[in-house]
Amino acid sequence: MKIALLTAIVMLASSSVGFSQEATNRPIEIGELNRRPVIGKLGVPLGTAIEIEAQIISGRKLRRKAYGSSYLLKVTHVGGKELDNCPLLTFSVPAFISVRLTNHTFGLHKLKTGKKAETLNSTQIEQLEKGYVGRTVRLLVYEDGQFIGIPRNLPKDFPVWADVGFGFSTSLIVLAEYNNQRQR
């Protein structure tokens, strides 16, 4: 009796493992993306407006060429809850939203001086970043996503450009900035 029960449990577990592997390898039809929520790095479905707390990070510190002149957000709190694993996300601010936040060094120059810069050297950038990089901000954001990058199976004679490999990526859209006093 014990052997039969143990055999049944092993068979059930084996069939469950096969099912989950099959389900994860099954292609997703594009229509499913609109019917089922996609959970982003914030832990909520993409397109969900939510309050976050984040620290502004300089992309230069990451030593990745793609982020060299960018600023990113290291998210520490989502919906008032502290995160154990703080995701680092790119962000953008729509032109019609008035917040004092930018995702690029030239944008930071305009934000601080009111003037557009043609060039910036490393000394100027360091001066601009004082009081900006490392600052903690409370924002209303939503996370969106898209597929980007170079396809894996390009023909051998096709010219390749500097980019990331093809995959799904998310970023934050900033809707509002709150003052530093937490509103509950």
C-alpha atoms as a PDB file:
ATOM      1  CA  MET A   1       0.000   0.000   0.000  1.00  0.00           C
ATOM      2  CA  LYS A   2       2.784   2.461   0.935  1.00  0.00           C
ATOM      3  CA  ILE A   3       4.661   1.631  -2.285  1.00  0.00           C
ATOM      4  CA  ALA A   4       1.545   2.253  -4.406  1.00  0.00           C
ATOM      5  CA  LEU A   5       0.910   5.587  -2.701  1.00  0.00           C
ATOM      6  CA  LEU A   6       4.553   6.628  -3.108  1.00  0.00           C
ATOM      7  CA  THR A   7       4.466   5.611  -6.799  1.00  0.00           C
ATOM      8  CA  ALA A   8       1.309   7.665  -7.350  1.00  0.00           C
ATOM      9  CA  ILE A   9       2.883  10.730  -5.701  1.00  0.00           C
ATOM     10  CA  VAL A  10       6.058  10.405  -7.814  1.00  0.00           C
ATOM     11  CA  MET A  11       3.991  10.014 -11.018  1.00  0.00           C
ATOM     12  CA  LEU A  12       1.873  13.051 -10.145  1.00  0.00           C
ATOM     13  CA  ALA A  13       4.954  15.137  -9.341  1.00  0.00           C
ATOM     14  CA  SER A  14       6.621  14.027 -12.592  1.00  0.00           C
ATOM     15  CA  SER A  15       3.593  14.964 -14.668  1.00  0.00           C
ATOM     16  CA  SER A  16       3.417  18.378 -12.918  1.00  0.00           C
ATOM     17  CA  VAL A  17       7.082  19.063 -13.690  1.00  0.00           C
ATOM     18  CA  GLY A  18       6.526  18.136 -17.339  1.00  0.00           C
ATOM     19  CA  PHE A  19       3.498  20.406 -17.509  1.00  0.00           C
ATOM     20  CA  SER A  20       5.292  23.410 -16.029  1.00  0.00           C
ATOM     21  CA  GLN A  21       8.287  22.966 -18.357  1.00  0.00           C
ATOM     22  CA  GLU A  22       5.918  22.670 -21.313  1.00  0.00           C
ATOM     23  CA  ALA A  23       3.984  25.759 -20.182  1.00  0.00           C
ATOM     24  CA  THR A  24       7.125  27.873 -19.796  1.00  0.00           C
ATOM     25  CA  ASN A  25       8.436  26.838 -23.219  1.00  0.00           C
ATOM     26  CA  ARG A  26       5.113  27.490 -24.961  1.00  0.00           C
ATOM     27  CA  PRO A  27       5.206  30.655 -27.092  1.00  0.00           C
ATOM     28  CA  ILE A  28       2.968  33.501 -25.946  1.00  0.00           C
ATOM     29  CA  GLU A  29       0.471  34.797 -28.458  1.00  0.00           C
ATOM     30  CA  ILE A  30       0.462  38.604 -28.614  1.00  0.00           C
ATOM     31  CA  GLY A  31      -3.224  38.693 -27.659  1.00  0.00           C
ATOM     32  CA  GLU A  32      -2.350  37.064 -24.322  1.00  0.00           C
ATOM     33  CA  LEU A  33      -0.348  40.151 -23.354  1.00  0.00           C
ATOM     34  CA  ASN A  34      -3.590  42.137 -23.331  1.00  0.00           C
ATOM     35  CA  ARG A  35      -5.645  39.461 -21.556  1.00  0.00           C
ATOM     36  CA  ARG A  36      -3.204  38.476 -18.804  1.00  0.00           C
ATOM     37  CA  PRO A  37      -1.241  40.952 -16.655  1.00  0.00           C
ATOM     38  CA  VAL A  38       2.521  41.114 -17.095  1.00  0.00           C
ATOM     39  CA  ILE A  39       4.228  41.681 -13.745  1.00  0.00           C
ATOM     40  CA  GLY A  40       7.124  44.135 -13.935  1.00  0.00           C
ATOM     41  CA  LYS A  41      10.202  44.725 -11.813  1.00  0.00           C
ATOM     42  CA  LEU A  42       8.123  46.757  -9.344  1.00  0.00           C
ATOM     43  CA  GLY A  43       6.101  43.613  -8.572  1.00  0.00           C
ATOM     44  CA  VAL A  44       2.822  45.014  -9.942  1.00  0.00           C
ATOM     45  CA  PRO A  45       1.215  44.647 -13.395  1.00  0.00           C
ATOM     46  CA  LEU A  46       2.705  46.877 -16.092  1.00  0.00           C
ATOM     47  CA  GLY A  47       0.639  50.035 -16.534  1.00  0.00           C
ATOM     48  CA  THR A  48      -0.311  50.272 -12.836  1.00  0.00           C
ATOM     49  CA  ALA A  49       0.147  53.778 -11.415  1.00  0.00           C
ATOM     50  CA  ILE A  50       1.872  53.453  -8.047  1.00  0.00           C
ATOM     51  CA  GLU A  51       3.927  55.519  -5.605  1.00  0.00           C
ATOM     52  CA  ILE A  52       7.606  54.660  -5.339  1.00  0.00           C
ATOM     53  CA  GLU A  53      10.591  55.935  -3.450  1.00  0.00           C
ATOM     54  CA  ALA A  54      13.869  55.800  -5.337  1.00  0.00           C
ATOM     55  CA  GLN A  55      17.407  57.080  -5.375  1.00  0.00           C
ATOM     56  CA  ILE A  56      18.784  58.839  -8.479  1.00  0.00           C
ATOM     57  CA  ILE A  57      21.823  56.945  -9.763  1.00  0.00           C
ATOM     58  CA  SER A  58      24.424  58.079 -12.314  1.00  0.00           C
ATOM     59  CA  GLY A  59      24.716  55.667 -15.243  1.00  0.00           C
ATOM     60  CA  ARG A  60      28.481  56.358 -15.409  1.00  0.00           C
ATOM     61  CA  LYS A  61      28.899  54.536 -12.095  1.00  0.00           C
ATOM     62  CA  LEU A  62      27.537  51.352 -13.702  1.00  0.00           C
ATOM     63  CA  ARG A  63      30.427  51.262 -16.200  1.00  0.00           C
ATOM     64  CA  ARG A  64      28.099  50.246 -19.034  1.00  0.00           C
ATOM     65  CA  LYS A  65      28.463  52.321 -22.174  1.00  0.00           C
ATOM     66  CA  ALA A  66      24.709  52.388 -22.858  1.00  0.00           C
ATOM     67  CA  TYR A  67      24.096  54.254 -19.568  1.00  0.00           C
ATOM     68  CA  GLY A  68      27.138  56.585 -19.642  1.00  0.00           C
ATOM     69  CA  SER A  69      25.230  59.888 -19.769  1.00  0.00           C
ATOM     70  CA  SER A  70      21.976  58.641 -18.261  1.00  0.00           C
ATOM     71  CA  TYR A  71      20.397  58.735 -14.831  1.00  0.00           C
ATOM     72  CA  LEU A  72      18.441  55.771 -13.497  1.00  0.00           C
ATOM     73  CA  LEU A  73      16.219  55.148 -10.502  1.00  0.00           C
ATOM     74  CA  LYS A  74      17.124  52.601  -7.834  1.00  0.00           C
ATOM     75  CA  VAL A  75      13.674  51.791  -6.440  1.00  0.00           C
ATOM     76  CA  THR A  76      13.711  51.187  -2.670  1.00  0.00           C
ATOM     77  CA  HIS A  77       9.957  51.325  -1.849  1.00  0.00           C
ATOM     78  CA  VAL A  78       6.825  50.435  -3.829  1.00  0.00           C
ATOM     79  CA  GLY A  79       3.405  51.377  -2.494  1.00  0.00           C
ATOM     80  CA  GLY A  80       4.981  52.292   0.862  1.00  0.00           C
ATOM     81  CA  LYS A  81       6.656  48.874   1.282  1.00  0.00           C
ATOM     82  CA  GLU A  82      10.433  48.579   1.463  1.00  0.00           C
ATOM     83  CA  LEU A  83      11.961  46.252  -1.131  1.00  0.00           C
ATOM     84  CA  ASP A  84      14.555  43.600  -0.336  1.00  0.00           C
ATOM     85  CA  ASN A  85      15.823  43.594  -3.919  1.00  0.00           C
ATOM     86  CA  CYS A  86      15.992  47.169  -5.267  1.00  0.00           C
ATOM     87  CA  PRO A  87      15.561  47.208  -9.063  1.00  0.00           C
ATOM     88  CA  LEU A  88      17.499  49.737 -11.117  1.00  0.00           C
ATOM     89  CA  LEU A  89      15.279  51.159 -13.864  1.00  0.00           C
ATOM     90  CA  THR A  90      15.526  53.654 -16.666  1.00  0.00           C
ATOM     91  CA  PHE A  91      12.829  56.310 -16.688  1.00  0.00           C
ATOM     92  CA  SER A  92      11.332  59.097 -18.725  1.00  0.00           C
ATOM     93  CA  VAL A  93       9.196  62.119 -17.983  1.00  0.00           C
ATOM     94  CA  PRO A  94       6.559  63.093 -20.572  1.00  0.00           C
ATOM     95  CA  ALA A  95       7.003  66.696 -21.794  1.00  0.00           C
ATOM     96  CA  PHE A  96       3.627  67.782 -20.363  1.00  0.00           C
ATOM     97  CA  ILE A  97       4.504  66.596 -16.815  1.00  0.00           C
ATOM     98  CA  SER A  98       6.245  69.258 -14.735  1.00  0.00           C
ATOM     99  CA  VAL A  99       8.647  67.572 -12.335  1.00  0.00           C
ATOM    100  CA  ARG A 100      12.232  68.536 -11.612  1.00  0.00           C
ATOM    101  CA  LEU A 101      13.671  65.262 -12.822  1.00  0.00           C
ATOM    102  CA  THR A 102      15.648  64.270 -15.900  1.00  0.00           C
ATOM    103  CA  ASN A 103      17.215  61.089 -17.222  1.00  0.00           C
ATOM    104  CA  HIS A 104      20.208  62.612 -19.082  1.00  0.00           C
ATOM    105  CA  THR A 105      23.193  64.891 -18.392  1.00  0.00           C
ATOM    106  CA  PHE A 106      22.112  67.487 -20.974  1.00  0.00           C
ATOM    107  CA  GLY A 107      18.641  67.514 -19.455  1.00  0.00           C
ATOM    108  CA  LEU A 108      20.221  68.101 -16.034  1.00  0.00           C
ATOM    109  CA  HIS A 109      22.127  71.089 -17.403  1.00  0.00           C
ATOM    110  CA  LYS A 110      18.900  72.589 -18.754  1.00  0.00           C
ATOM    111  CA  LEU A 111      17.051  71.771 -15.515  1.00  0.00           C
ATOM    112  CA  LYS A 112      19.664  73.553 -13.375  1.00  0.00           C
ATOM    113  CA  THR A 113      20.632  76.480 -15.630  1.00  0.00           C
ATOM    114  CA  GLY A 114      17.581  76.950 -17.847  1.00  0.00           C
ATOM    115  CA  LYS A 115      19.869  76.834 -20.893  1.00  0.00           C
ATOM    116  CA  LYS A 116      20.604  74.178 -23.486  1.00  0.00           C
ATOM    117  CA  ALA A 117      24.223  72.947 -23.533  1.00  0.00           C
ATOM    118  CA  GLU A 118      26.080  72.032 -26.737  1.00  0.00           C
ATOM    119  CA  THR A 119      28.818  70.099 -24.930  1.00  0.00           C
ATOM    120  CA  LEU A 120      29.612  69.103 -21.355  1.00  0.00           C
ATOM    121  CA  ASN A 121      32.952  67.938 -19.998  1.00  0.00           C
ATOM    122  CA  SER A 122      33.402  65.622 -17.017  1.00  0.00           C
ATOM    123  CA  THR A 123      34.130  68.517 -14.622  1.00  0.00           C
ATOM    124  CA  GLN A 124      30.919  70.315 -15.621  1.00  0.00           C
ATOM    125  CA  ILE A 125      28.928  67.098 -15.260  1.00  0.00           C
ATOM    126  CA  GLU A 126      30.339  66.471 -11.775  1.00  0.00           C
ATOM    127  CA  GLN A 127      29.329  69.991 -10.715  1.00  0.00           C
ATOM    128  CA  LEU A 128      25.823  69.581 -12.170  1.00  0.00           C
ATOM    129  CA  GLU A 129      25.315  66.260 -10.402  1.00  0.00           C
ATOM    130  CA  LYS A 130      25.916  67.702  -6.923  1.00  0.00           C
ATOM    131  CA  GLY A 131      22.609  67.619  -5.089  1.00  0.00           C
ATOM    132  CA  TYR A 132      20.991  65.543  -7.869  1.00  0.00           C
ATOM    133  CA  VAL A 133      22.735  62.161  -8.023  1.00  0.00           C
ATOM    134  CA  GLY A 134      22.076  60.267  -4.794  1.00  0.00           C
ATOM    135  CA  ARG A 135      18.938  62.278  -4.018  1.00  0.00           C
ATOM    136  CA  THR A 136      15.908  60.287  -2.848  1.00  0.00           C
ATOM    137  CA  VAL A 137      12.631  61.071  -4.624  1.00  0.00           C
ATOM    138  CA  ARG A 138       9.009  60.032  -4.100  1.00  0.00           C
ATOM    139  CA  LEU A 139       7.203  59.631  -7.392  1.00  0.00           C
ATOM    140  CA  LEU A 140       3.972  58.470  -8.941  1.00  0.00           C
ATOM    141  CA  VAL A 141       5.008  56.209 -11.810  1.00  0.00           C
ATOM    142  CA  TYR A 142       3.907  53.334 -13.958  1.00  0.00           C
ATOM    143  CA  GLU A 143       6.110  50.698 -15.525  1.00  0.00           C
ATOM    144  CA  ASP A 144       5.851  49.979 -19.221  1.00  0.00           C
ATOM    145  CA  GLY A 145       7.703  47.528 -21.421  1.00  0.00           C
ATOM    146  CA  GLN A 146       8.811  46.707 -24.908  1.00  0.00           C
ATOM    147  CA  PHE A 147      10.935  44.284 -26.880  1.00  0.00           C
ATOM    148  CA  ILE A 148      14.219  45.875 -27.962  1.00  0.00           C
ATOM    149  CA  GLY A 149      17.669  44.891 -29.230  1.00  0.00           C
ATOM    150  CA  ILE A 150      19.414  42.992 -31.998  1.00  0.00           C
ATOM    151  CA  PRO A 151      17.809  39.742 -33.178  1.00  0.00           C
ATOM    152  CA  ARG A 152      19.801  36.600 -32.361  1.00  0.00           C
ATOM    153  CA  ASN A 153      19.583  35.006 -35.786  1.00  0.00           C
ATOM    154  CA  LEU A 154      20.809  37.699 -38.202  1.00  0.00           C
ATOM    155  CA  PRO A 155      22.557  36.387 -41.336  1.00  0.00           C
ATOM    156  CA  LYS A 156      26.349  36.147 -40.940  1.00  0.00           C
ATOM    157  CA  ASP A 157      26.989  38.795 -43.606  1.00  0.00           C
ATOM    158  CA  PHE A 158      24.515  41.288 -42.083  1.00  0.00           C
ATOM    159  CA  PRO A 159      26.156  44.358 -40.452  1.00  0.00           C
ATOM    160  CA  VAL A 160      25.775  44.338 -36.657  1.00  0.00           C
ATOM    161  CA  TRP A 161      25.463  47.539 -34.621  1.00  0.00           C
ATOM    162  CA  ALA A 162      26.175  48.296 -30.968  1.00  0.00           C
ATOM    163  CA  ASP A 163      23.063  47.376 -29.002  1.00  0.00           C
ATOM    164  CA  VAL A 164      21.767  44.845 -26.500  1.00  0.00           C
ATOM    165  CA  GLY A 165      20.563  41.377 -27.437  1.00  0.00           C
ATOM    166  CA  PHE A 166      16.880  41.119 -28.353  1.00  0.00           C
ATOM    167  CA  GLY A 167      14.666  40.827 -25.298  1.00  0.00           C
ATOM    168  CA  PHE A 168      11.924  42.374 -23.207  1.00  0.00           C
ATOM    169  CA  SER A 169      12.802  45.450 -21.169  1.00  0.00           C
ATOM    170  CA  THR A 170      10.826  47.695 -18.842  1.00  0.00           C
ATOM    171  CA  SER A 171      11.177  51.319 -17.785  1.00  0.00           C
ATOM    172  CA  LEU A 172       9.319  53.824 -15.634  1.00  0.00           C
ATOM    173  CA  ILE A 173       7.120  56.691 -16.802  1.00  0.00           C
ATOM    174  CA  VAL A 174       7.072  59.475 -14.187  1.00  0.00           C
ATOM    175  CA  LEU A 175       3.657  61.065 -13.608  1.00  0.00           C
ATOM    176  CA  ALA A 176       4.271  63.226 -10.518  1.00  0.00           C
ATOM    177  CA  GLU A 177       6.812  64.016  -7.823  1.00  0.00           C
ATOM    178  CA  TYR A 178       5.797  64.308  -4.165  1.00  0.00           C
ATOM    179  CA  ASN A 179       7.510  66.427  -1.554  1.00  0.00           C
ATOM    180  CA  ASN A 180       9.841  64.579   0.804  1.00  0.00           C
ATOM    181  CA  GLN A 181       7.316  64.343   3.635  1.00  0.00           C
ATOM    182  CA  ARG A 182       5.575  61.008   3.359  1.00  0.00           C
ATOM    183  CA  GLN A 183       1.829  61.383   2.797  1.00  0.00           C
ATOM    184  CA  ARG A 184      -0.227  58.557   4.303  1.00  0.00           C
END
